[in-house]
N, C-alpha and C. Protein backbone atom coordinates (compact mmCIF):
# COMPACT_ATOMS: atom_id res chain seq x y z
N MET A 1 -30.53 3.31 16.17
CA MET A 1 -30.85 3.41 14.67
C MET A 1 -28.91 3.89 14.72
N SER A 2 -28.18 3.48 13.40
CA SER A 2 -26.90 4.05 13.31
C SER A 2 -26.36 4.54 12.29
N ASN A 3 -25.15 4.85 12.74
CA ASN A 3 -24.77 6.34 11.89
C ASN A 3 -23.22 5.68 11.39
N ASP A 4 -22.83 5.67 10.53
CA ASP A 4 -22.03 4.90 9.22
C ASP A 4 -20.51 5.69 9.30
N SER A 5 -20.81 7.00 9.57
CA SER A 5 -19.52 8.06 10.04
C SER A 5 -19.54 7.92 11.23
N GLN A 6 -19.43 6.80 12.56
CA GLN A 6 -19.18 6.78 13.58
C GLN A 6 -18.69 5.47 13.47
N LEU A 7 -18.46 5.02 12.60
CA LEU A 7 -18.19 3.31 12.73
C LEU A 7 -16.36 3.56 12.68
N PRO A 8 -15.19 2.73 13.07
CA PRO A 8 -13.47 3.02 13.22
C PRO A 8 -13.52 2.38 11.68
N LEU A 9 -12.47 2.78 11.67
CA LEU A 9 -11.94 2.78 10.67
C LEU A 9 -11.12 1.69 10.69
N GLN A 10 -10.98 0.50 9.55
CA GLN A 10 -9.73 -0.71 9.72
C GLN A 10 -8.16 -0.43 9.13
N ALA A 11 -8.01 -1.16 9.75
CA ALA A 11 -6.53 -0.69 9.61
C ALA A 11 -6.16 -1.31 7.99
N ILE A 12 -5.42 -0.67 7.49
CA ILE A 12 -4.85 -0.88 5.73
C ILE A 12 -4.27 -1.81 5.91
N LEU A 13 -4.42 -2.87 4.66
CA LEU A 13 -3.97 -4.43 4.61
C LEU A 13 -2.55 -4.07 3.77
N SER A 14 -1.79 -4.76 3.30
CA SER A 14 -0.77 -4.55 2.64
C SER A 14 -0.64 -4.65 1.26
N PRO A 15 -0.55 -4.05 0.28
CA PRO A 15 -0.78 -4.56 -1.16
C PRO A 15 0.25 -5.93 -1.50
N CYS A 16 0.83 -6.47 -0.67
CA CYS A 16 0.95 -7.52 -1.38
C CYS A 16 0.15 -8.40 -2.16
N VAL A 17 0.95 -9.16 -3.05
CA VAL A 17 0.00 -10.12 -3.88
C VAL A 17 0.65 -11.50 -3.79
N GLY A 18 2.07 -11.82 -3.64
CA GLY A 18 2.44 -12.36 -3.00
C GLY A 18 3.74 -13.07 -4.29
N ILE A 19 3.96 -12.33 -5.13
CA ILE A 19 4.83 -11.86 -6.66
C ILE A 19 6.06 -11.23 -6.09
N CYS A 20 6.68 -11.25 -5.29
CA CYS A 20 7.82 -10.69 -4.84
C CYS A 20 8.91 -10.67 -5.27
N ARG A 21 9.17 -10.35 -6.74
CA ARG A 21 10.74 -9.70 -6.81
C ARG A 21 10.37 -8.39 -7.64
N LEU A 22 11.81 -7.75 -7.23
CA LEU A 22 12.12 -6.35 -7.86
C LEU A 22 12.32 -6.45 -9.25
N ASP A 23 12.23 -5.29 -10.15
CA ASP A 23 11.88 -5.30 -11.42
C ASP A 23 13.57 -4.68 -11.26
N PRO A 24 13.99 -4.31 -12.65
CA PRO A 24 15.46 -3.50 -12.95
C PRO A 24 15.23 -1.87 -12.33
N HIS A 25 14.30 -1.32 -12.54
CA HIS A 25 13.82 -0.10 -11.76
C HIS A 25 13.68 -0.33 -10.27
N GLY A 26 13.39 -1.02 -9.51
CA GLY A 26 13.30 -1.52 -8.13
C GLY A 26 12.04 -1.48 -7.42
N TYR A 27 11.36 -1.54 -8.52
CA TYR A 27 9.63 -1.65 -7.81
C TYR A 27 9.23 -3.31 -7.97
N CYS A 28 8.74 -3.31 -6.93
CA CYS A 28 8.29 -5.10 -6.64
C CYS A 28 7.30 -5.64 -8.21
N LEU A 29 7.46 -6.64 -8.60
CA LEU A 29 6.92 -7.19 -9.69
C LEU A 29 5.09 -7.38 -9.23
N GLY A 30 4.16 -7.78 -7.94
CA GLY A 30 3.61 -8.32 -7.45
C GLY A 30 2.80 -6.44 -7.22
N CYS A 31 3.54 -5.65 -6.25
CA CYS A 31 2.73 -4.83 -5.41
C CYS A 31 3.50 -3.17 -6.13
N TYR A 32 4.69 -2.88 -6.29
CA TYR A 32 4.81 -2.18 -7.31
C TYR A 32 5.52 -1.16 -6.10
N ARG A 33 5.62 -1.46 -4.88
CA ARG A 33 6.35 -0.89 -3.63
C ARG A 33 7.91 -1.46 -4.06
N THR A 34 8.66 -0.48 -3.66
CA THR A 34 10.01 -0.67 -3.39
C THR A 34 10.60 -1.61 -2.29
N GLY A 35 11.68 -1.74 -2.30
CA GLY A 35 12.50 -2.79 -1.35
C GLY A 35 12.35 -2.10 0.09
N ASP A 36 12.57 -0.96 0.49
CA ASP A 36 12.33 0.56 1.22
C ASP A 36 10.75 0.22 1.52
N GLU A 37 10.11 0.60 0.98
CA GLU A 37 8.60 0.57 1.48
C GLU A 37 7.99 -0.42 1.92
N ILE A 38 8.73 -1.68 0.96
CA ILE A 38 7.82 -3.30 1.74
C ILE A 38 8.53 -2.73 3.24
N ALA A 39 10.06 -2.88 3.32
CA ALA A 39 10.02 -2.66 4.72
C ALA A 39 10.04 -2.08 5.36
N ARG A 40 9.73 -0.99 5.17
CA ARG A 40 8.60 0.33 6.40
C ARG A 40 7.66 0.13 6.17
N TRP A 41 6.50 -0.83 5.76
CA TRP A 41 4.84 -0.83 5.65
C TRP A 41 4.17 -0.72 6.56
N ARG A 42 5.35 -1.50 7.62
CA ARG A 42 4.33 -1.91 8.89
C ARG A 42 4.72 -0.68 10.13
N SER A 43 5.41 0.44 9.80
CA SER A 43 5.84 1.53 10.61
C SER A 43 4.89 2.75 9.93
N MET A 44 4.79 2.23 8.87
CA MET A 44 4.04 3.31 7.96
C MET A 44 2.79 4.12 9.17
N SER A 45 2.33 5.15 9.19
CA SER A 45 1.23 5.42 9.93
C SER A 45 -0.03 4.98 8.88
N GLU A 46 -1.18 5.00 9.15
CA GLU A 46 -2.47 4.88 8.54
C GLU A 46 -2.57 5.91 7.20
N THR A 47 -2.37 7.33 7.63
CA THR A 47 -2.42 8.24 6.96
C THR A 47 -1.56 7.71 5.29
N GLU A 48 -0.12 7.07 6.12
CA GLU A 48 0.57 7.09 4.91
C GLU A 48 0.46 5.84 4.34
N ARG A 49 0.31 4.51 4.39
CA ARG A 49 0.08 3.62 3.92
C ARG A 49 -1.58 4.32 3.10
N SER A 50 -2.50 4.37 3.77
CA SER A 50 -3.72 5.19 2.38
C SER A 50 -3.01 5.85 1.14
N HIS A 51 -2.48 6.70 1.44
CA HIS A 51 -1.83 7.57 0.38
C HIS A 51 -1.24 6.90 -0.20
N PHE A 52 -0.07 5.23 -0.42
CA PHE A 52 -0.05 4.58 -0.84
C PHE A 52 -0.78 3.78 -2.11
N MET A 53 -1.89 3.24 -0.89
CA MET A 53 -2.87 2.15 -1.54
C MET A 53 -3.57 2.97 -2.63
N ASP A 54 -3.80 4.71 -2.48
CA ASP A 54 -4.76 5.31 -3.20
C ASP A 54 -4.08 6.08 -4.35
N VAL A 55 -2.79 6.83 -4.40
CA VAL A 55 -2.47 7.35 -5.29
C VAL A 55 -0.87 7.21 -5.79
N VAL A 56 0.06 6.26 -4.83
CA VAL A 56 1.41 6.01 -4.99
C VAL A 56 1.07 4.93 -6.15
N LEU A 57 0.65 3.72 -5.60
CA LEU A 57 1.01 2.45 -5.82
C LEU A 57 0.03 2.42 -7.66
N PRO A 58 -1.20 2.67 -7.63
CA PRO A 58 -2.22 3.28 -8.97
C PRO A 58 -0.99 3.95 -9.93
N ALA A 59 -0.51 4.46 -9.27
CA ALA A 59 0.59 5.54 -10.48
C ALA A 59 1.58 4.52 -11.08
N ARG A 60 1.70 3.86 -10.46
CA ARG A 60 3.28 3.16 -10.86
C ARG A 60 2.67 1.85 -11.26
N GLU A 61 1.28 1.67 -11.45
CA GLU A 61 0.79 0.16 -11.89
C GLU A 61 0.42 0.91 -13.33
N SER A 62 0.10 1.81 -13.65
CA SER A 62 -0.48 2.34 -14.88
C SER A 62 0.87 3.37 -15.37
N ALA A 63 1.74 3.22 -14.91
CA ALA A 63 3.17 3.91 -16.05
C ALA A 63 3.36 2.75 -17.12
C-alpha cells in the first residue's frame, strides 16, 4: 500500500517562459524575477525557490 506522504519531493523547475527582457523596474517580462534572482536561481535552496514560486512571483504578476 502506498503512502503519499513518503513520496520524494521533486526539484522546483525554473519559472522561465522564454520571454527574457527586463522591464524598467528590473523585473523580467516573462517570469517576474529580477536579474539577480535569475542569476541566483540555481544556487537557491528548494525552500527559497518554493517561496518565490508560491509567494513572491505571483504577487509581482498581480501587481
